[in-house]
N, C-alpha and C. Protein backbone atom coordinates (compact mmCIF):
# COMPACT_ATOMS: atom_id res chain seq x y z
N MET A 1 52.81 195.44 -8.43
CA MET A 1 53.44 195.45 -7.11
C MET A 1 54.75 196.23 -7.19
N THR A 2 55.01 196.97 -6.11
CA THR A 2 56.23 197.74 -6.03
C THR A 2 56.98 197.32 -4.77
N ARG A 3 58.25 197.13 -4.92
CA ARG A 3 59.08 196.73 -3.79
C ARG A 3 59.51 197.99 -3.02
N ILE A 4 59.33 197.97 -1.70
CA ILE A 4 59.71 199.09 -0.84
C ILE A 4 60.69 198.58 0.21
N GLN A 5 61.77 199.31 0.38
CA GLN A 5 62.75 198.95 1.41
C GLN A 5 62.69 200.00 2.51
N VAL A 6 62.51 199.54 3.74
CA VAL A 6 62.42 200.43 4.89
C VAL A 6 63.62 200.17 5.80
N THR A 7 64.31 201.24 6.18
CA THR A 7 65.43 201.12 7.11
C THR A 7 65.05 201.85 8.39
N VAL A 8 65.10 201.13 9.50
CA VAL A 8 64.76 201.71 10.79
C VAL A 8 66.05 201.91 11.58
N THR A 9 66.27 203.13 12.03
CA THR A 9 67.45 203.41 12.84
C THR A 9 67.01 203.95 14.20
N LYS A 10 67.81 203.68 15.19
CA LYS A 10 67.52 204.17 16.53
C LYS A 10 68.06 205.59 16.68
N GLU A 11 67.32 206.41 17.41
CA GLU A 11 67.73 207.78 17.65
C GLU A 11 68.60 207.85 18.90
N ALA A 12 69.68 208.61 18.83
CA ALA A 12 70.57 208.79 19.96
C ALA A 12 69.88 209.57 21.08
N VAL A 13 70.27 209.32 22.31
CA VAL A 13 69.72 210.07 23.44
C VAL A 13 70.40 211.43 23.54
N ILE A 14 69.70 212.39 24.14
CA ILE A 14 70.31 213.67 24.45
C ILE A 14 70.43 213.77 25.97
N LYS A 15 71.15 214.76 26.43
CA LYS A 15 71.39 214.93 27.86
C LYS A 15 70.06 214.95 28.63
N PRO A 16 69.92 214.08 29.62
CA PRO A 16 68.66 214.01 30.35
C PRO A 16 68.50 215.15 31.36
N ASN A 17 67.26 215.52 31.60
CA ASN A 17 66.91 216.49 32.64
C ASN A 17 66.55 215.73 33.91
N VAL A 18 66.76 216.39 35.04
CA VAL A 18 66.41 215.82 36.34
C VAL A 18 65.59 216.85 37.09
N TRP A 19 64.49 216.43 37.72
CA TRP A 19 63.68 217.34 38.51
C TRP A 19 62.97 216.57 39.63
N PRO A 20 62.61 217.27 40.70
CA PRO A 20 61.92 216.61 41.82
C PRO A 20 60.43 216.42 41.51
N LEU A 21 59.90 215.28 41.92
CA LEU A 21 58.46 215.03 41.81
C LEU A 21 57.76 215.39 43.12
N SER A 22 58.56 215.55 44.18
CA SER A 22 58.00 215.91 45.48
C SER A 22 58.62 217.22 45.94
N SER A 23 57.98 217.86 46.87
CA SER A 23 58.44 219.16 47.35
C SER A 23 59.75 219.02 48.13
N PRO A 24 60.79 219.78 47.76
CA PRO A 24 62.07 219.67 48.44
C PRO A 24 62.01 220.09 49.91
N GLU A 25 61.05 220.91 50.30
CA GLU A 25 60.97 221.33 51.70
C GLU A 25 60.64 220.17 52.63
N MET A 26 60.08 219.08 52.09
CA MET A 26 59.76 217.92 52.93
C MET A 26 61.02 217.25 53.48
N THR A 27 62.17 217.48 52.84
CA THR A 27 63.41 216.88 53.33
C THR A 27 63.82 217.48 54.67
N CYS A 28 63.29 218.64 55.02
CA CYS A 28 63.61 219.27 56.30
C CYS A 28 63.00 218.49 57.46
N TRP A 29 62.01 217.67 57.17
CA TRP A 29 61.37 216.85 58.20
C TRP A 29 61.66 215.38 57.99
N GLY A 30 62.67 215.10 57.18
CA GLY A 30 63.07 213.71 56.96
C GLY A 30 62.14 212.92 56.07
N GLN A 31 61.27 213.60 55.35
CA GLN A 31 60.33 212.92 54.47
C GLN A 31 61.02 212.49 53.17
N PRO A 32 60.50 211.47 52.53
CA PRO A 32 61.10 211.01 51.26
C PRO A 32 60.97 212.05 50.16
N SER A 33 61.85 211.96 49.19
CA SER A 33 61.74 212.79 48.00
C SER A 33 62.00 211.89 46.79
N VAL A 34 61.45 212.30 45.66
CA VAL A 34 61.58 211.50 44.44
C VAL A 34 62.10 212.41 43.33
N PHE A 35 63.10 211.93 42.61
CA PHE A 35 63.63 212.64 41.46
C PHE A 35 63.41 211.82 40.20
N ARG A 36 63.07 212.52 39.12
CA ARG A 36 62.87 211.86 37.83
C ARG A 36 63.95 212.30 36.85
N CYS A 37 64.38 211.35 36.05
CA CYS A 37 65.35 211.57 34.99
C CYS A 37 64.68 211.26 33.67
N TRP A 38 64.85 212.15 32.68
CA TRP A 38 64.20 211.93 31.40
C TRP A 38 64.97 212.59 30.27
N SER A 39 65.19 211.85 29.20
CA SER A 39 65.81 212.38 27.99
C SER A 39 64.70 212.63 26.99
N GLU A 40 64.69 213.82 26.40
CA GLU A 40 63.62 214.18 25.46
C GLU A 40 63.72 213.45 24.13
N ARG A 41 64.87 212.88 23.84
CA ARG A 41 65.05 212.16 22.58
C ARG A 41 65.75 210.84 22.84
N GLY A 42 65.46 209.92 21.96
CA GLY A 42 66.12 208.62 22.03
C GLY A 42 65.12 207.50 21.85
N THR A 43 65.60 206.40 21.33
CA THR A 43 64.78 205.22 21.11
C THR A 43 65.21 204.14 22.10
N ASP A 44 64.24 203.50 22.72
CA ASP A 44 64.52 202.42 23.69
C ASP A 44 65.50 202.88 24.77
N VAL A 45 65.22 204.02 25.36
CA VAL A 45 66.12 204.61 26.36
C VAL A 45 65.98 203.89 27.70
N GLN A 46 67.10 203.64 28.32
CA GLN A 46 67.15 203.07 29.67
C GLN A 46 67.84 204.08 30.57
N TYR A 47 67.54 204.01 31.88
CA TYR A 47 68.07 204.99 32.83
C TYR A 47 68.70 204.29 34.02
N THR A 48 69.80 204.88 34.48
CA THR A 48 70.46 204.38 35.69
C THR A 48 70.90 205.58 36.52
N TRP A 49 70.64 205.52 37.83
CA TRP A 49 71.07 206.55 38.78
C TRP A 49 72.37 206.11 39.44
N TYR A 50 73.28 207.08 39.62
CA TYR A 50 74.59 206.81 40.22
C TYR A 50 74.88 207.80 41.35
N ARG A 51 75.71 207.35 42.28
CA ARG A 51 76.32 208.24 43.25
C ARG A 51 77.79 208.36 42.85
N VAL A 52 78.29 209.58 42.81
CA VAL A 52 79.69 209.81 42.44
C VAL A 52 80.57 209.14 43.48
N GLY A 53 81.50 208.34 43.00
CA GLY A 53 82.43 207.65 43.88
C GLY A 53 83.81 207.62 43.26
N HIS A 54 84.79 207.35 44.09
CA HIS A 54 86.17 207.29 43.60
C HIS A 54 86.77 205.96 44.03
N PRO A 55 87.25 205.15 43.16
CA PRO A 55 87.56 205.45 41.76
C PRO A 55 86.38 205.25 40.80
N ASN A 56 85.30 204.57 41.25
CA ASN A 56 84.18 204.30 40.33
C ASN A 56 82.88 204.83 40.90
N ASN A 57 81.97 205.22 40.01
CA ASN A 57 80.64 205.63 40.43
C ASN A 57 79.85 204.41 40.89
N ILE A 58 78.91 204.62 41.79
CA ILE A 58 78.16 203.53 42.41
C ILE A 58 76.73 203.54 41.87
N VAL A 59 76.28 202.41 41.34
CA VAL A 59 74.92 202.29 40.83
C VAL A 59 73.95 202.29 42.01
N LEU A 60 72.94 203.18 41.94
CA LEU A 60 71.93 203.27 42.98
C LEU A 60 70.62 202.60 42.56
N HIS A 61 70.21 202.86 41.32
CA HIS A 61 68.90 202.35 40.89
C HIS A 61 68.82 202.40 39.37
N GLN A 62 68.16 201.42 38.77
CA GLN A 62 67.99 201.39 37.33
C GLN A 62 66.53 201.67 37.00
N SER A 63 66.23 202.97 36.85
CA SER A 63 64.87 203.42 36.59
C SER A 63 64.90 204.91 36.30
N THR A 64 63.78 205.46 35.83
CA THR A 64 63.69 206.90 35.63
C THR A 64 63.61 207.63 36.96
N ASP A 65 63.03 206.99 37.99
CA ASP A 65 62.81 207.64 39.28
C ASP A 65 63.76 207.13 40.35
N LEU A 66 64.24 208.07 41.16
CA LEU A 66 65.09 207.74 42.30
C LEU A 66 64.38 208.19 43.57
N TYR A 67 64.17 207.26 44.49
CA TYR A 67 63.50 207.54 45.76
C TYR A 67 64.56 207.74 46.84
N LEU A 68 64.52 208.92 47.47
CA LEU A 68 65.48 209.23 48.53
C LEU A 68 64.75 209.28 49.86
N HIS A 69 65.36 208.69 50.87
CA HIS A 69 64.79 208.68 52.21
C HIS A 69 65.95 208.59 53.19
N CYS A 70 65.68 208.97 54.43
CA CYS A 70 66.73 208.96 55.46
C CYS A 70 67.45 207.62 55.55
N SER A 71 66.74 206.53 55.29
CA SER A 71 67.37 205.21 55.41
C SER A 71 68.44 204.97 54.35
N ASN A 72 68.38 205.68 53.21
CA ASN A 72 69.41 205.46 52.19
C ASN A 72 70.30 206.68 51.96
N ILE A 73 70.23 207.65 52.88
CA ILE A 73 71.13 208.81 52.83
C ILE A 73 72.01 208.74 54.07
N THR A 74 73.25 208.35 53.87
CA THR A 74 74.16 208.17 55.00
C THR A 74 75.29 209.18 55.02
N GLU A 75 75.45 209.92 53.94
CA GLU A 75 76.53 210.90 53.86
C GLU A 75 76.24 211.90 52.77
N ASP A 76 76.97 213.01 52.77
CA ASP A 76 76.87 213.98 51.68
C ASP A 76 77.29 213.29 50.39
N SER A 77 76.62 213.60 49.30
CA SER A 77 76.98 212.96 48.05
C SER A 77 76.44 213.73 46.85
N GLN A 78 76.95 213.37 45.69
CA GLN A 78 76.47 213.91 44.43
C GLN A 78 75.91 212.76 43.62
N LEU A 79 74.73 213.00 43.04
CA LEU A 79 74.04 211.99 42.26
C LEU A 79 73.86 212.48 40.83
N PHE A 80 73.73 211.54 39.91
CA PHE A 80 73.39 211.89 38.54
C PHE A 80 72.76 210.67 37.90
N CYS A 81 72.07 210.91 36.79
CA CYS A 81 71.50 209.78 36.06
C CYS A 81 72.13 209.70 34.68
N SER A 82 72.08 208.51 34.14
CA SER A 82 72.58 208.27 32.80
C SER A 82 71.42 207.75 31.96
N ALA A 83 71.25 208.34 30.79
CA ALA A 83 70.26 207.87 29.81
C ALA A 83 71.06 207.23 28.68
N PHE A 84 70.69 206.02 28.30
CA PHE A 84 71.48 205.32 27.29
C PHE A 84 70.62 204.38 26.46
N ASN A 85 71.12 204.11 25.27
CA ASN A 85 70.55 203.08 24.40
C ASN A 85 71.68 202.48 23.58
N ASP A 86 71.36 201.73 22.54
CA ASP A 86 72.39 201.08 21.72
C ASP A 86 73.23 202.07 20.93
N VAL A 87 72.74 203.31 20.80
CA VAL A 87 73.41 204.30 19.95
C VAL A 87 74.33 205.22 20.75
N SER A 88 73.87 205.67 21.93
CA SER A 88 74.66 206.65 22.69
C SER A 88 74.31 206.62 24.17
N SER A 89 75.06 207.40 24.93
CA SER A 89 74.85 207.53 26.37
C SER A 89 75.13 208.98 26.78
N GLN A 90 74.27 209.53 27.64
CA GLN A 90 74.45 210.90 28.13
C GLN A 90 74.15 210.92 29.62
N SER A 91 74.84 211.80 30.35
CA SER A 91 74.62 211.94 31.79
C SER A 91 74.01 213.29 32.11
N SER A 92 73.22 213.31 33.17
CA SER A 92 72.58 214.54 33.63
C SER A 92 73.55 215.41 34.42
N GLU A 93 73.08 216.60 34.79
CA GLU A 93 73.81 217.43 35.73
C GLU A 93 73.74 216.76 37.11
N PHE A 94 74.60 217.19 38.02
CA PHE A 94 74.62 216.61 39.37
C PHE A 94 73.49 217.15 40.24
N VAL A 95 73.01 216.29 41.10
CA VAL A 95 72.11 216.66 42.19
C VAL A 95 72.91 216.42 43.47
N SER A 96 73.03 217.45 44.31
CA SER A 96 73.83 217.34 45.53
C SER A 96 72.94 217.09 46.73
N LEU A 97 73.36 216.16 47.57
CA LEU A 97 72.69 215.88 48.83
C LEU A 97 73.60 216.29 49.97
N GLN A 98 73.05 217.00 50.94
CA GLN A 98 73.82 217.38 52.11
C GLN A 98 73.05 216.89 53.33
N LEU A 99 73.64 215.96 54.06
CA LEU A 99 73.02 215.41 55.25
C LEU A 99 73.30 216.36 56.42
N LEU A 100 72.25 216.99 56.94
CA LEU A 100 72.40 217.93 58.05
C LEU A 100 72.26 217.26 59.40
N GLN A 101 71.45 216.22 59.43
CA GLN A 101 71.22 215.49 60.67
C GLN A 101 70.95 214.05 60.30
N SER A 102 71.69 213.12 60.89
CA SER A 102 71.58 211.71 60.51
C SER A 102 70.24 211.11 60.94
N ALA A 103 69.96 209.93 60.40
CA ALA A 103 68.67 209.26 60.62
C ALA A 103 68.41 208.94 62.08
N ASP A 104 69.44 208.71 62.88
CA ASP A 104 69.22 208.37 64.29
C ASP A 104 68.77 209.57 65.11
N LYS A 105 68.76 210.77 64.49
CA LYS A 105 68.30 211.99 65.17
C LYS A 105 67.30 212.74 64.30
N ASP A 106 66.27 212.06 63.81
CA ASP A 106 65.28 212.70 62.95
C ASP A 106 65.94 213.36 61.74
N CYS A 107 66.36 212.58 60.84
CA CYS A 107 67.10 212.97 59.63
C CYS A 107 66.61 214.28 59.01
N VAL A 108 67.57 215.10 58.61
CA VAL A 108 67.31 216.32 57.84
C VAL A 108 68.37 216.36 56.74
N TYR A 109 67.93 216.57 55.49
CA TYR A 109 68.88 216.65 54.39
C TYR A 109 68.44 217.71 53.39
N LEU A 110 69.41 218.29 52.74
CA LEU A 110 69.16 219.31 51.72
C LEU A 110 69.49 218.75 50.35
N ILE A 111 68.74 219.18 49.36
CA ILE A 111 68.96 218.78 47.98
C ILE A 111 69.15 220.04 47.15
N SER A 112 70.15 220.04 46.28
CA SER A 112 70.33 221.18 45.40
C SER A 112 70.81 220.72 44.03
N SER A 113 70.48 221.50 43.02
CA SER A 113 70.91 221.23 41.66
C SER A 113 71.18 222.56 40.98
N ASN A 114 72.42 222.82 40.63
CA ASN A 114 72.78 224.08 39.98
C ASN A 114 72.17 224.22 38.60
N SER A 115 71.96 223.11 37.92
CA SER A 115 71.46 223.19 36.55
C SER A 115 70.05 223.76 36.47
N HIS A 116 69.26 223.60 37.52
CA HIS A 116 67.88 224.08 37.50
C HIS A 116 67.59 225.13 38.56
N GLY A 117 68.60 225.56 39.30
CA GLY A 117 68.37 226.55 40.34
C GLY A 117 67.57 226.01 41.50
N LEU A 118 67.60 224.70 41.72
CA LEU A 118 66.87 224.09 42.82
C LEU A 118 67.67 224.21 44.10
N VAL A 119 67.17 225.01 45.03
CA VAL A 119 67.82 225.15 46.33
C VAL A 119 66.73 225.37 47.37
N TYR A 120 66.80 224.63 48.45
CA TYR A 120 65.88 224.87 49.56
C TYR A 120 66.69 224.79 50.83
N HIS A 121 66.60 225.80 51.67
CA HIS A 121 67.35 225.82 52.92
C HIS A 121 66.35 225.69 54.06
N CYS A 122 66.51 224.67 54.89
CA CYS A 122 65.54 224.39 55.94
C CYS A 122 65.43 225.51 56.97
N GLY A 123 66.51 226.21 57.21
CA GLY A 123 66.50 227.27 58.21
C GLY A 123 65.79 228.53 57.73
N MET A 124 65.59 228.64 56.44
CA MET A 124 64.95 229.82 55.88
C MET A 124 63.82 229.35 54.96
N SER A 125 62.80 230.09 54.86
CA SER A 125 61.70 229.73 53.96
C SER A 125 61.99 230.23 52.56
N VAL A 126 63.04 229.73 52.00
CA VAL A 126 63.45 230.17 50.66
C VAL A 126 63.52 228.96 49.74
N PHE A 127 62.77 229.03 48.68
CA PHE A 127 62.80 227.96 47.68
C PHE A 127 62.91 228.60 46.31
N VAL A 128 63.97 228.29 45.61
CA VAL A 128 64.13 228.77 44.25
C VAL A 128 63.88 227.56 43.38
N GLY A 129 62.75 227.50 42.73
CA GLY A 129 62.36 226.31 41.97
C GLY A 129 62.68 226.40 40.51
N PHE A 130 62.20 225.41 39.80
CA PHE A 130 62.38 225.36 38.36
C PHE A 130 61.22 224.58 37.78
N SER A 131 61.06 224.71 36.49
CA SER A 131 59.99 223.95 35.83
C SER A 131 60.62 222.81 35.04
N PRO A 132 60.10 221.59 35.22
CA PRO A 132 60.64 220.46 34.47
C PRO A 132 60.36 220.59 32.98
N GLN A 133 61.25 220.03 32.21
CA GLN A 133 61.07 220.05 30.76
C GLN A 133 60.82 218.64 30.30
N LEU A 134 59.66 218.39 29.76
CA LEU A 134 59.33 217.06 29.26
C LEU A 134 59.32 217.05 27.76
């Protein structure tokens, strides 16, 4: 018999990517959109979505996916997700929301993210997309 010692360590998370699971042009008609946050590395990773606030950021949802709809978009804002475990924590790039028309008038909102070149303008048929990295 031979004695073997095994040491298990958790891997630190890396900066998470954020991408839409639904078409951004649907926001022009007030339709819901879904964003996913994912870190390519890390053990036992947990995710939390935040809205930038002053003096503190506001927790929106604790999950990889964030569901946006006219009922929960009340003002222009910047969102980001945090990927974390017992070893480290990293935050994604910002996703910007711009409310063009409030929910009481058939909501219209724009979503953009500089990190991935995601921009869709409702007045023009222009969509500059990106490919998610898993």
